[in-house]
Amino acid sequence: MIDINEDLWFDTFEEYSIKFGDVRPDYKKLKPEEAEMGALFNMELDMHNGGFLQFYCNWGYEAYIYALRGLESIGALETKKILEKQYGVIARLKDDKRVDELWAIPEFLKD
């Protein structure tokens, strides 16, 4: 088992999160691998802190897509499947006119 401490993780990958945040929501300004790393870094933080909904509402659909690509790139296919299932819960709201901002999504999960 590999033990990677939190400082090493941050030191190695935080720059991708910063770049990702700087261009939000126009992630295409980054190289694809930078966008994937930024999405994965923020997915990890948000999922640990508040779950999928926090990640999605903070970063949006395009970030979700980059996270899926990143998971596939690193061979984390089971995690990718889990993320796709989680998105399935909110997918019906993607074009819902009542959802005027991403953080409105939780209100409509009660329907």
C-alpha atoms as a PDB file:
ATOM      1  CA  MET A   1       0.000   0.000   0.000  1.00  0.00           C
ATOM      2  CA  ILE A   2       1.310   3.423  -0.933  1.00  0.00           C
ATOM      3  CA  ASP A   3       1.126   6.080   1.747  1.00  0.00           C
ATOM      4  CA  ILE A   4       1.003   9.528   0.182  1.00  0.00           C
ATOM      5  CA  ASN A   5       0.705  12.274   2.713  1.00  0.00           C
ATOM      6  CA  GLU A   6      -1.611  15.185   2.179  1.00  0.00           C
ATOM      7  CA  ASP A   7       1.181  17.752   1.810  1.00  0.00           C
ATOM      8  CA  LEU A   8       2.781  15.818  -1.042  1.00  0.00           C
ATOM      9  CA  TRP A   9      -0.621  15.503  -2.743  1.00  0.00           C
ATOM     10  CA  PHE A  10      -1.254  19.249  -2.464  1.00  0.00           C
ATOM     11  CA  ASP A  11       2.282  20.166  -3.501  1.00  0.00           C
ATOM     12  CA  THR A  12       2.014  17.966  -6.579  1.00  0.00           C
ATOM     13  CA  PHE A  13      -1.487  18.744  -7.827  1.00  0.00           C
ATOM     14  CA  GLU A  14      -2.714  22.040  -6.362  1.00  0.00           C
ATOM     15  CA  GLU A  15      -1.329  24.038  -9.320  1.00  0.00           C
ATOM     16  CA  TYR A  16      -3.870  22.278 -11.561  1.00  0.00           C
ATOM     17  CA  SER A  17      -6.683  23.325  -9.250  1.00  0.00           C
ATOM     18  CA  ILE A  18      -5.527  26.931  -9.391  1.00  0.00           C
ATOM     19  CA  LYS A  19      -5.363  26.909 -13.194  1.00  0.00           C
ATOM     20  CA  PHE A  20      -8.758  25.190 -13.313  1.00  0.00           C
ATOM     21  CA  GLY A  21     -10.303  27.846 -11.087  1.00  0.00           C
ATOM     22  CA  ASP A  22      -8.694  30.686 -13.012  1.00  0.00           C
ATOM     23  CA  VAL A  23     -10.372  29.697 -16.294  1.00  0.00           C
ATOM     24  CA  ARG A  24     -13.711  28.546 -14.845  1.00  0.00           C
ATOM     25  CA  PRO A  25     -16.037  27.826 -16.637  1.00  0.00           C
ATOM     26  CA  ASP A  26     -14.013  27.948 -19.867  1.00  0.00           C
ATOM     27  CA  TYR A  27     -11.911  24.860 -19.123  1.00  0.00           C
ATOM     28  CA  LYS A  28     -11.043  24.451 -22.813  1.00  0.00           C
ATOM     29  CA  LYS A  29      -8.444  27.183 -22.330  1.00  0.00           C
ATOM     30  CA  LEU A  30      -6.326  24.542 -20.593  1.00  0.00           C
ATOM     31  CA  LYS A  31      -4.531  21.610 -22.141  1.00  0.00           C
ATOM     32  CA  PRO A  32      -6.836  18.571 -21.845  1.00  0.00           C
ATOM     33  CA  GLU A  33      -4.576  16.862 -19.302  1.00  0.00           C
ATOM     34  CA  GLU A  34      -4.439  20.042 -17.175  1.00  0.00           C
ATOM     35  CA  ALA A  35      -8.231  20.297 -17.221  1.00  0.00           C
ATOM     36  CA  GLU A  36      -8.534  16.630 -16.246  1.00  0.00           C
ATOM     37  CA  MET A  37      -6.072  17.039 -13.365  1.00  0.00           C
ATOM     38  CA  GLY A  38      -7.836  20.190 -12.181  1.00  0.00           C
ATOM     39  CA  ALA A  39     -11.208  18.465 -12.325  1.00  0.00           C
ATOM     40  CA  LEU A  40      -9.893  15.412 -10.468  1.00  0.00           C
ATOM     41  CA  PHE A  41      -8.231  17.518  -7.773  1.00  0.00           C
ATOM     42  CA  ASN A  42     -11.407  19.519  -7.150  1.00  0.00           C
ATOM     43  CA  MET A  43     -13.579  16.425  -7.389  1.00  0.00           C
ATOM     44  CA  GLU A  44     -11.471  14.784  -4.676  1.00  0.00           C
ATOM     45  CA  LEU A  45     -11.698  17.823  -2.396  1.00  0.00           C
ATOM     46  CA  ASP A  46     -15.409  18.421  -2.878  1.00  0.00           C
ATOM     47  CA  MET A  47     -16.420  14.761  -2.753  1.00  0.00           C
ATOM     48  CA  HIS A  48     -14.522  14.353   0.515  1.00  0.00           C
ATOM     49  CA  ASN A  49     -16.062  17.516   1.941  1.00  0.00           C
ATOM     50  CA  GLY A  50     -19.646  17.494   0.680  1.00  0.00           C
ATOM     51  CA  GLY A  51     -20.144  14.800  -1.936  1.00  0.00           C
ATOM     52  CA  PHE A  52     -20.932  14.723  -5.617  1.00  0.00           C
ATOM     53  CA  LEU A  53     -23.519  17.476  -5.473  1.00  0.00           C
ATOM     54  CA  GLN A  54     -20.984  19.870  -3.972  1.00  0.00           C
ATOM     55  CA  PHE A  55     -18.490  19.071  -6.737  1.00  0.00           C
ATOM     56  CA  TYR A  56     -21.092  19.420  -9.484  1.00  0.00           C
ATOM     57  CA  CYS A  57     -22.656  22.614  -8.161  1.00  0.00           C
ATOM     58  CA  ASN A  58     -19.261  24.227  -7.548  1.00  0.00           C
ATOM     59  CA  TRP A  59     -17.708  23.345 -10.916  1.00  0.00           C
ATOM     60  CA  GLY A  60     -20.459  22.433 -13.405  1.00  0.00           C
ATOM     61  CA  TYR A  61     -21.170  19.931 -16.136  1.00  0.00           C
ATOM     62  CA  GLU A  62     -17.970  20.506 -18.121  1.00  0.00           C
ATOM     63  CA  ALA A  63     -15.876  19.878 -15.009  1.00  0.00           C
ATOM     64  CA  TYR A  64     -17.833  16.665 -14.464  1.00  0.00           C
ATOM     65  CA  ILE A  65     -16.968  15.595 -18.038  1.00  0.00           C
ATOM     66  CA  TYR A  66     -13.280  16.401 -17.501  1.00  0.00           C
ATOM     67  CA  ALA A  67     -13.351  14.424 -14.255  1.00  0.00           C
ATOM     68  CA  LEU A  68     -14.796  11.423 -16.119  1.00  0.00           C
ATOM     69  CA  ARG A  69     -12.056  11.701 -18.743  1.00  0.00           C
ATOM     70  CA  GLY A  70      -9.428  11.994 -16.036  1.00  0.00           C
ATOM     71  CA  LEU A  71     -10.725   8.934 -14.222  1.00  0.00           C
ATOM     72  CA  GLU A  72     -10.628   6.994 -17.456  1.00  0.00           C
ATOM     73  CA  SER A  73      -7.098   8.236 -18.164  1.00  0.00           C
ATOM     74  CA  ILE A  74      -5.821   6.905 -14.843  1.00  0.00           C
ATOM     75  CA  GLY A  75      -7.752   3.652 -15.125  1.00  0.00           C
ATOM     76  CA  ALA A  76     -10.196   4.401 -12.294  1.00  0.00           C
ATOM     77  CA  LEU A  77     -13.106   2.863 -14.178  1.00  0.00           C
ATOM     78  CA  GLU A  78     -15.112   1.811 -11.120  1.00  0.00           C
ATOM     79  CA  THR A  79     -14.916   5.337  -9.732  1.00  0.00           C
ATOM     80  CA  LYS A  80     -15.983   6.650 -13.132  1.00  0.00           C
ATOM     81  CA  LYS A  81     -19.052   4.368 -13.036  1.00  0.00           C
ATOM     82  CA  ILE A  82     -19.933   5.617  -9.562  1.00  0.00           C
ATOM     83  CA  LEU A  83     -19.644   9.235 -10.705  1.00  0.00           C
ATOM     84  CA  GLU A  84     -21.884   8.503 -13.712  1.00  0.00           C
ATOM     85  CA  LYS A  85     -24.496   6.951 -11.414  1.00  0.00           C
ATOM     86  CA  GLN A  86     -24.380   9.988  -9.169  1.00  0.00           C
ATOM     87  CA  TYR A  87     -24.886  12.291 -12.138  1.00  0.00           C
ATOM     88  CA  GLY A  88     -27.846  10.113 -13.133  1.00  0.00           C
ATOM     89  CA  VAL A  89     -29.694  11.427 -10.083  1.00  0.00           C
ATOM     90  CA  ILE A  90     -29.549  15.015 -11.347  1.00  0.00           C
ATOM     91  CA  ALA A  91     -29.435  14.441 -15.127  1.00  0.00           C
ATOM     92  CA  ARG A  92     -33.186  15.021 -15.448  1.00  0.00           C
ATOM     93  CA  LEU A  93     -32.621  18.598 -14.295  1.00  0.00           C
ATOM     94  CA  LYS A  94     -29.980  19.491 -16.930  1.00  0.00           C
ATOM     95  CA  ASP A  95     -32.388  21.484 -19.134  1.00  0.00           C
ATOM     96  CA  ASP A  96     -34.976  22.279 -16.470  1.00  0.00           C
ATOM     97  CA  LYS A  97     -35.846  25.989 -16.759  1.00  0.00           C
ATOM     98  CA  ARG A  98     -36.496  26.188 -13.013  1.00  0.00           C
ATOM     99  CA  VAL A  99     -32.807  25.560 -12.347  1.00  0.00           C
ATOM    100  CA  ASP A 100     -31.381  29.029 -12.894  1.00  0.00           C
ATOM    101  CA  GLU A 101     -28.082  28.220 -11.162  1.00  0.00           C
ATOM    102  CA  LEU A 102     -26.343  24.997 -10.221  1.00  0.00           C
ATOM    103  CA  TRP A 103     -26.890  25.441  -6.502  1.00  0.00           C
ATOM    104  CA  ALA A 104     -30.656  25.433  -7.177  1.00  0.00           C
ATOM    105  CA  ILE A 105     -30.415  21.719  -8.038  1.00  0.00           C
ATOM    106  CA  PRO A 106     -30.779  20.431  -4.442  1.00  0.00           C
ATOM    107  CA  GLU A 107     -34.182  22.108  -4.151  1.00  0.00           C
ATOM    108  CA  PHE A 108     -35.523  20.108  -7.084  1.00  0.00           C
ATOM    109  CA  LEU A 109     -34.223  16.752  -5.919  1.00  0.00           C
ATOM    110  CA  LYS A 110     -37.197  16.626  -3.585  1.00  0.00           C
ATOM    111  CA  ASP A 111     -39.615  16.388  -6.535  1.00  0.00           C
END
